[in-house]
Amino acid sequence: MVVILEKGEFNTDFHPMVDFIAASPLMYALTVKPTIFVSHIRRFWSTARIETTDEGTHLLATVDGIQRTVSESSLRRNL
């Protein structure tokens, strides 16, 4: 999904929200349209597993031979 942040007569109620998003780091995350290969997604999920610890739930997967950990806090920090 890609967000279109255009101001027009049809969306005047949302102009302040558009201004906020345009000035924030969210702008890139909401408007970029990267190429995502299905083969990469399949490879990621073929090695993924869920681990629950005292710190919370983590997704563990191997990417290019390197063990990666994804958590809610890492997603919030990086997005």
PDB file of N, CA and C in Angstrom:
ATOM      1  N   MET A   1       0.839  -1.170   0.000  1.00  0.00           N
ATOM      2  CA  MET A   1       0.000   0.000   0.000  1.00  0.00           C
ATOM      3  C   MET A   1       0.889   1.239   0.000  1.00  0.00           C
ATOM      4  N   VAL A   2       0.550   2.179  -0.835  1.00  0.00           N
ATOM      5  CA  VAL A   2       1.272   3.441  -0.922  1.00  0.00           C
ATOM      6  C   VAL A   2       0.294   4.572  -0.645  1.00  0.00           C
ATOM      7  N   VAL A   3       0.712   5.514   0.151  1.00  0.00           N
ATOM      8  CA  VAL A   3      -0.132   6.653   0.507  1.00  0.00           C
ATOM      9  C   VAL A   3       0.135   7.799  -0.465  1.00  0.00           C
ATOM     10  N   ILE A   4      -0.919   8.413  -0.943  1.00  0.00           N
ATOM     11  CA  ILE A   4      -0.796   9.584  -1.807  1.00  0.00           C
ATOM     12  C   ILE A   4      -1.113  10.808  -0.954  1.00  0.00           C
ATOM     13  N   LEU A   5      -0.123  11.657  -0.781  1.00  0.00           N
ATOM     14  CA  LEU A   5      -0.278  12.822   0.093  1.00  0.00           C
ATOM     15  C   LEU A   5      -0.414  14.089  -0.737  1.00  0.00           C
ATOM     16  N   GLU A   6      -1.562  14.258  -1.323  1.00  0.00           N
ATOM     17  CA  GLU A   6      -1.835  15.452  -2.108  1.00  0.00           C
ATOM     18  C   GLU A   6      -2.947  16.244  -1.443  1.00  0.00           C
ATOM     19  N   LYS A   7      -2.791  17.548  -1.451  1.00  0.00           N
ATOM     20  CA  LYS A   7      -3.836  18.417  -0.919  1.00  0.00           C
ATOM     21  C   LYS A   7      -4.721  18.863  -2.077  1.00  0.00           C
ATOM     22  N   GLY A   8      -5.998  18.851  -1.820  1.00  0.00           N
ATOM     23  CA  GLY A   8      -6.937  19.294  -2.841  1.00  0.00           C
ATOM     24  C   GLY A   8      -8.206  19.801  -2.197  1.00  0.00           C
ATOM     25  N   GLU A   9      -9.103  20.249  -3.020  1.00  0.00           N
ATOM     26  CA  GLU A   9     -10.375  20.754  -2.509  1.00  0.00           C
ATOM     27  C   GLU A   9     -11.215  19.642  -1.897  1.00  0.00           C
ATOM     28  N   PHE A  10     -10.988  18.417  -2.353  1.00  0.00           N
ATOM     29  CA  PHE A  10     -11.784  17.274  -1.897  1.00  0.00           C
ATOM     30  C   PHE A  10     -11.379  16.777  -0.513  1.00  0.00           C
ATOM     31  N   ASN A  11     -10.217  17.182   0.002  1.00  0.00           N
ATOM     32  CA  ASN A  11      -9.752  16.658   1.286  1.00  0.00           C
ATOM     33  C   ASN A  11      -9.262  17.753   2.238  1.00  0.00           C
ATOM     34  N   THR A  12      -9.906  18.879   2.254  1.00  0.00           N
ATOM     35  CA  THR A  12      -9.448  20.006   3.081  1.00  0.00           C
ATOM     36  C   THR A  12      -9.429  19.681   4.571  1.00  0.00           C
ATOM     37  N   ASP A  13     -10.299  18.793   5.023  1.00  0.00           N
ATOM     38  CA  ASP A  13     -10.305  18.414   6.442  1.00  0.00           C
ATOM     39  C   ASP A  13      -9.025  17.683   6.841  1.00  0.00           C
ATOM     40  N   PHE A  14      -8.342  17.101   5.867  1.00  0.00           N
ATOM     41  CA  PHE A  14      -7.157  16.298   6.155  1.00  0.00           C
ATOM     42  C   PHE A  14      -5.844  17.044   5.904  1.00  0.00           C
ATOM     43  N   HIS A  15      -5.886  18.301   5.498  1.00  0.00           N
ATOM     44  CA  HIS A  15      -4.662  19.051   5.228  1.00  0.00           C
ATOM     45  C   HIS A  15      -3.703  19.088   6.423  1.00  0.00           C
ATOM     46  N   PRO A  16      -4.171  19.313   7.672  1.00  0.00           N
ATOM     47  CA  PRO A  16      -3.236  19.286   8.810  1.00  0.00           C
ATOM     48  C   PRO A  16      -2.558  17.919   8.971  1.00  0.00           C
ATOM     49  N   MET A  17      -3.301  16.851   8.733  1.00  0.00           N
ATOM     50  CA  MET A  17      -2.728  15.510   8.841  1.00  0.00           C
ATOM     51  C   MET A  17      -1.684  15.286   7.742  1.00  0.00           C
ATOM     52  N   VAL A  18      -1.961  15.749   6.547  1.00  0.00           N
ATOM     53  CA  VAL A  18      -1.011  15.630   5.437  1.00  0.00           C
ATOM     54  C   VAL A  18       0.259  16.409   5.759  1.00  0.00           C
ATOM     55  N   ASP A  19       0.122  17.601   6.323  1.00  0.00           N
ATOM     56  CA  ASP A  19       1.292  18.401   6.714  1.00  0.00           C
ATOM     57  C   ASP A  19       2.130  17.679   7.763  1.00  0.00           C
ATOM     58  N   PHE A  20       1.468  17.072   8.755  1.00  0.00           N
ATOM     59  CA  PHE A  20       2.181  16.352   9.810  1.00  0.00           C
ATOM     60  C   PHE A  20       2.956  15.174   9.229  1.00  0.00           C
ATOM     61  N   ILE A  21       2.307  14.376   8.405  1.00  0.00           N
ATOM     62  CA  ILE A  21       2.965  13.198   7.828  1.00  0.00           C
ATOM     63  C   ILE A  21       4.107  13.615   6.910  1.00  0.00           C
ATOM     64  N   ALA A  22       3.905  14.649   6.125  1.00  0.00           N
ATOM     65  CA  ALA A  22       4.946  15.111   5.202  1.00  0.00           C
ATOM     66  C   ALA A  22       6.189  15.583   5.944  1.00  0.00           C
ATOM     67  N   ALA A  23       6.038  16.072   7.170  1.00  0.00           N
ATOM     68  CA  ALA A  23       7.170  16.577   7.950  1.00  0.00           C
ATOM     69  C   ALA A  23       7.790  15.515   8.858  1.00  0.00           C
ATOM     70  N   SER A  24       7.248  14.310   8.861  1.00  0.00           N
ATOM     71  CA  SER A  24       7.734  13.283   9.785  1.00  0.00           C
ATOM     72  C   SER A  24       8.499  12.183   9.054  1.00  0.00           C
ATOM     73  N   PRO A  25       9.247  11.373   9.805  1.00  0.00           N
ATOM     74  CA  PRO A  25       9.955  10.240   9.210  1.00  0.00           C
ATOM     75  C   PRO A  25       9.008   9.204   8.604  1.00  0.00           C
ATOM     76  N   LEU A  26       7.743   9.266   8.954  1.00  0.00           N
ATOM     77  CA  LEU A  26       6.776   8.330   8.385  1.00  0.00           C
ATOM     78  C   LEU A  26       6.576   8.545   6.891  1.00  0.00           C
ATOM     79  N   MET A  27       6.896   9.722   6.413  1.00  0.00           N
ATOM     80  CA  MET A  27       6.681  10.059   5.003  1.00  0.00           C
ATOM     81  C   MET A  27       7.295   9.004   4.087  1.00  0.00           C
ATOM     82  N   TYR A  28       8.537   8.666   4.317  1.00  0.00           N
ATOM     83  CA  TYR A  28       9.218   7.687   3.465  1.00  0.00           C
ATOM     84  C   TYR A  28       8.551   6.323   3.564  1.00  0.00           C
ATOM     85  N   ALA A  29       8.275   5.875   4.777  1.00  0.00           N
ATOM     86  CA  ALA A  29       7.683   4.552   4.976  1.00  0.00           C
ATOM     87  C   ALA A  29       6.314   4.435   4.320  1.00  0.00           C
ATOM     88  N   LEU A  30       5.574   5.516   4.266  1.00  0.00           N
ATOM     89  CA  LEU A  30       4.229   5.479   3.703  1.00  0.00           C
ATOM     90  C   LEU A  30       4.192   5.686   2.197  1.00  0.00           C
ATOM     91  N   THR A  31       5.222   6.285   1.628  1.00  0.00           N
ATOM     92  CA  THR A  31       5.161   6.628   0.212  1.00  0.00           C
ATOM     93  C   THR A  31       6.106   5.836  -0.675  1.00  0.00           C
ATOM     94  N   VAL A  32       7.086   5.154  -0.116  1.00  0.00           N
ATOM     95  CA  VAL A  32       8.014   4.376  -0.934  1.00  0.00           C
ATOM     96  C   VAL A  32       7.290   3.149  -1.489  1.00  0.00           C
ATOM     97  N   LYS A  33       7.641   2.759  -2.676  1.00  0.00           N
ATOM     98  CA  LYS A  33       7.027   1.591  -3.306  1.00  0.00           C
ATOM     99  C   LYS A  33       8.160   0.660  -3.753  1.00  0.00           C
ATOM    100  N   PRO A  34       8.710  -0.117  -2.811  1.00  0.00           N
ATOM    101  CA  PRO A  34       9.856  -0.958  -3.144  1.00  0.00           C
ATOM    102  C   PRO A  34       9.439  -2.190  -3.955  1.00  0.00           C
ATOM    103  N   THR A  35      10.405  -2.756  -4.664  1.00  0.00           N
ATOM    104  CA  THR A  35      10.192  -4.025  -5.344  1.00  0.00           C
ATOM    105  C   THR A  35      10.446  -5.122  -4.326  1.00  0.00           C
ATOM    106  N   ILE A  36       9.450  -5.952  -4.107  1.00  0.00           N
ATOM    107  CA  ILE A  36       9.579  -7.052  -3.153  1.00  0.00           C
ATOM    108  C   ILE A  36       9.374  -8.351  -3.917  1.00  0.00           C
ATOM    109  N   PHE A  37      10.374  -9.202  -3.901  1.00  0.00           N
ATOM    110  CA  PHE A  37      10.318 -10.453  -4.636  1.00  0.00           C
ATOM    111  C   PHE A  37       9.667 -11.539  -3.794  1.00  0.00           C
ATOM    112  N   VAL A  38       8.744 -12.266  -4.388  1.00  0.00           N
ATOM    113  CA  VAL A  38       8.040 -13.346  -3.698  1.00  0.00           C
ATOM    114  C   VAL A  38       9.031 -14.392  -3.212  1.00  0.00           C
ATOM    115  N   SER A  39      10.069 -14.653  -3.984  1.00  0.00           N
ATOM    116  CA  SER A  39      11.067 -15.653  -3.580  1.00  0.00           C
ATOM    117  C   SER A  39      11.759 -15.253  -2.279  1.00  0.00           C
ATOM    118  N   HIS A  40      11.994 -13.959  -2.076  1.00  0.00           N
ATOM    119  CA  HIS A  40      12.624 -13.495  -0.833  1.00  0.00           C
ATOM    120  C   HIS A  40      11.682 -13.686   0.350  1.00  0.00           C
ATOM    121  N   ILE A  41      10.412 -13.398   0.135  1.00  0.00           N
ATOM    122  CA  ILE A  41       9.425 -13.583   1.203  1.00  0.00           C
ATOM    123  C   ILE A  41       9.327 -15.050   1.576  1.00  0.00           C
ATOM    124  N   ARG A  42       9.261 -15.927   0.595  1.00  0.00           N
ATOM    125  CA  ARG A  42       9.182 -17.374   0.872  1.00  0.00           C
ATOM    126  C   ARG A  42      10.415 -17.867   1.610  1.00  0.00           C
ATOM    127  N   ARG A  43      11.591 -17.394   1.186  1.00  0.00           N
ATOM    128  CA  ARG A  43      12.830 -17.823   1.846  1.00  0.00           C
ATOM    129  C   ARG A  43      12.859 -17.352   3.298  1.00  0.00           C
ATOM    130  N   PHE A  44      12.414 -16.116   3.545  1.00  0.00           N
ATOM    131  CA  PHE A  44      12.362 -15.593   4.911  1.00  0.00           C
ATOM    132  C   PHE A  44      11.459 -16.461   5.776  1.00  0.00           C
ATOM    133  N   TRP A  45      10.216 -16.703   5.319  1.00  0.00           N
ATOM    134  CA  TRP A  45       9.251 -17.437   6.130  1.00  0.00           C
ATOM    135  C   TRP A  45       9.593 -18.917   6.246  1.00  0.00           C
ATOM    136  N   SER A  46      10.395 -19.448   5.334  1.00  0.00           N
ATOM    137  CA  SER A  46      10.775 -20.863   5.443  1.00  0.00           C
ATOM    138  C   SER A  46      11.734 -21.098   6.604  1.00  0.00           C
ATOM    139  N   THR A  47      12.421 -20.043   7.059  1.00  0.00           N
ATOM    140  CA  THR A  47      13.353 -20.185   8.188  1.00  0.00           C
ATOM    141  C   THR A  47      12.826 -19.538   9.461  1.00  0.00           C
ATOM    142  N   ALA A  48      11.689 -18.873   9.382  1.00  0.00           N
ATOM    143  CA  ALA A  48      11.181 -18.094  10.519  1.00  0.00           C
ATOM    144  C   ALA A  48      10.548 -18.979  11.587  1.00  0.00           C
ATOM    145  N   ARG A  49      10.711 -18.538  12.831  1.00  0.00           N
ATOM    146  CA  ARG A  49      10.041 -19.188  13.959  1.00  0.00           C
ATOM    147  C   ARG A  49       9.751 -18.124  15.008  1.00  0.00           C
ATOM    148  N   ILE A  50       8.788 -18.414  15.853  1.00  0.00           N
ATOM    149  CA  ILE A  50       8.389 -17.473  16.899  1.00  0.00           C
ATOM    150  C   ILE A  50       8.940 -17.954  18.230  1.00  0.00           C
ATOM    151  N   GLU A  51       9.490 -17.030  18.994  1.00  0.00           N
ATOM    152  CA  GLU A  51      10.034 -17.347  20.314  1.00  0.00           C
ATOM    153  C   GLU A  51       9.457 -16.347  21.318  1.00  0.00           C
ATOM    154  N   THR A  52       8.918 -16.868  22.406  1.00  0.00           N
ATOM    155  CA  THR A  52       8.372 -16.012  23.457  1.00  0.00           C
ATOM    156  C   THR A  52       9.261 -16.118  24.686  1.00  0.00           C
ATOM    157  N   THR A  53       9.702 -14.961  25.173  1.00  0.00           N
ATOM    158  CA  THR A  53      10.559 -14.902  26.359  1.00  0.00           C
ATOM    159  C   THR A  53       9.954 -13.907  27.341  1.00  0.00           C
ATOM    160  N   ASP A  54      10.658 -13.683  28.440  1.00  0.00           N
ATOM    161  CA  ASP A  54      10.204 -12.691  29.417  1.00  0.00           C
ATOM    162  C   ASP A  54      10.167 -11.284  28.817  1.00  0.00           C
ATOM    163  N   GLU A  55      11.035 -11.027  27.822  1.00  0.00           N
ATOM    164  CA  GLU A  55      11.085  -9.711  27.183  1.00  0.00           C
ATOM    165  C   GLU A  55       9.977  -9.522  26.157  1.00  0.00           C
ATOM    166  N   GLY A  56       9.298 -10.586  25.772  1.00  0.00           N
ATOM    167  CA  GLY A  56       8.221 -10.479  24.790  1.00  0.00           C
ATOM    168  C   GLY A  56       8.349 -11.522  23.700  1.00  0.00           C
ATOM    169  N   THR A  57       7.560 -11.362  22.670  1.00  0.00           N
ATOM    170  CA  THR A  57       7.555 -12.295  21.552  1.00  0.00           C
ATOM    171  C   THR A  57       8.454 -11.765  20.445  1.00  0.00           C
ATOM    172  N   HIS A  58       9.284 -12.652  19.895  1.00  0.00           N
ATOM    173  CA  HIS A  58      10.225 -12.284  18.843  1.00  0.00           C
ATOM    174  C   HIS A  58      10.056 -13.222  17.660  1.00  0.00           C
ATOM    175  N   LEU A  59      10.319 -12.713  16.492  1.00  0.00           N
ATOM    176  CA  LEU A  59      10.349 -13.508  15.280  1.00  0.00           C
ATOM    177  C   LEU A  59      11.812 -13.719  14.938  1.00  0.00           C
ATOM    178  N   LEU A  60      12.228 -14.965  14.842  1.00  0.00           N
ATOM    179  CA  LEU A  60      13.615 -15.298  14.517  1.00  0.00           C
ATOM    180  C   LEU A  60      13.647 -15.894  13.122  1.00  0.00           C
ATOM    181  N   ALA A  61      14.565 -15.418  12.288  1.00  0.00           N
ATOM    182  CA  ALA A  61      14.685 -15.934  10.926  1.00  0.00           C
ATOM    183  C   ALA A  61      16.131 -15.796  10.479  1.00  0.00           C
ATOM    184  N   THR A  62      16.513 -16.608   9.510  1.00  0.00           N
ATOM    185  CA  THR A  62      17.844 -16.540   8.937  1.00  0.00           C
ATOM    186  C   THR A  62      17.751 -15.822   7.594  1.00  0.00           C
ATOM    187  N   VAL A  63      18.541 -14.760   7.445  1.00  0.00           N
ATOM    188  CA  VAL A  63      18.570 -13.977   6.212  1.00  0.00           C
ATOM    189  C   VAL A  63      20.010 -13.941   5.720  1.00  0.00           C
ATOM    190  N   ASP A  64      20.241 -14.474   4.533  1.00  0.00           N
ATOM    191  CA  ASP A  64      21.592 -14.544   3.961  1.00  0.00           C
ATOM    192  C   ASP A  64      22.585 -15.184   4.926  1.00  0.00           C
ATOM    193  N   GLY A  65      22.140 -16.228   5.611  1.00  0.00           N
ATOM    194  CA  GLY A  65      22.998 -16.965   6.521  1.00  0.00           C
ATOM    195  C   GLY A  65      23.198 -16.313   7.877  1.00  0.00           C
ATOM    196  N   ILE A  66      22.549 -15.207   8.131  1.00  0.00           N
ATOM    197  CA  ILE A  66      22.688 -14.485   9.398  1.00  0.00           C
ATOM    198  C   ILE A  66      21.372 -14.560  10.162  1.00  0.00           C
ATOM    199  N   GLN A  67      21.454 -14.963  11.436  1.00  0.00           N
ATOM    200  CA  GLN A  67      20.264 -15.038  12.283  1.00  0.00           C
ATOM    201  C   GLN A  67      19.778 -13.631  12.602  1.00  0.00           C
ATOM    202  N   ARG A  68      18.514 -13.348  12.318  1.00  0.00           N
ATOM    203  CA  ARG A  68      17.921 -12.036  12.572  1.00  0.00           C
ATOM    204  C   ARG A  68      16.781 -12.171  13.562  1.00  0.00           C
ATOM    205  N   THR A  69      16.613 -11.167  14.407  1.00  0.00           N
ATOM    206  CA  THR A  69      15.529 -11.141  15.378  1.00  0.00           C
ATOM    207  C   THR A  69      14.690  -9.895  15.133  1.00  0.00           C
ATOM    208  N   VAL A  70      13.377 -10.088  15.053  1.00  0.00           N
ATOM    209  CA  VAL A  70      12.449  -8.978  14.855  1.00  0.00           C
ATOM    210  C   VAL A  70      11.498  -8.963  16.038  1.00  0.00           C
ATOM    211  N   SER A  71      11.365  -7.805  16.664  1.00  0.00           N
ATOM    212  CA  SER A  71      10.442  -7.651  17.785  1.00  0.00           C
ATOM    213  C   SER A  71       9.563  -6.432  17.530  1.00  0.00           C
ATOM    214  N   GLU A  72       8.533  -6.286  18.324  1.00  0.00           N
ATOM    215  CA  GLU A  72       7.673  -5.114  18.185  1.00  0.00           C
ATOM    216  C   GLU A  72       8.479  -3.834  18.381  1.00  0.00           C
ATOM    217  N   SER A  73       9.358  -3.839  19.376  1.00  0.00           N
ATOM    218  CA  SER A  73      10.142  -2.625  19.643  1.00  0.00           C
ATOM    219  C   SER A  73      11.104  -2.315  18.493  1.00  0.00           C
ATOM    220  N   SER A  74      11.686  -3.342  17.861  1.00  0.00           N
ATOM    221  CA  SER A  74      12.588  -3.073  16.734  1.00  0.00           C
ATOM    222  C   SER A  74      11.815  -2.538  15.533  1.00  0.00           C
ATOM    223  N   LEU A  75      10.597  -3.031  15.322  1.00  0.00           N
ATOM    224  CA  LEU A  75       9.771  -2.497  14.235  1.00  0.00           C
ATOM    225  C   LEU A  75       9.412  -1.040  14.494  1.00  0.00           C
ATOM    226  N   ARG A  76       9.012  -0.736  15.712  1.00  0.00           N
ATOM    227  CA  ARG A  76       8.652   0.653  16.047  1.00  0.00           C
ATOM    228  C   ARG A  76       9.860   1.583  15.910  1.00  0.00           C
ATOM    229  N   ARG A  77      11.025   1.112  16.336  1.00  0.00           N
ATOM    230  CA  ARG A  77      12.239   1.926  16.286  1.00  0.00           C
ATOM    231  C   ARG A  77      12.674   2.188  14.839  1.00  0.00           C
ATOM    232  N   ASN A  78      12.553   1.194  13.977  1.00  0.00           N
ATOM    233  CA  ASN A  78      13.056   1.316  12.614  1.00  0.00           C
ATOM    234  C   ASN A  78      12.039   1.828  11.608  1.00  0.00           C
ATOM    235  N   LEU A  79      10.783   1.846  11.986  1.00  0.00           N
ATOM    236  CA  LEU A  79       9.787   2.415  11.081  1.00  0.00           C
ATOM    237  C   LEU A  79       9.357   3.744  11.621  1.00  0.00           C
TER     238      LEU A  79
END
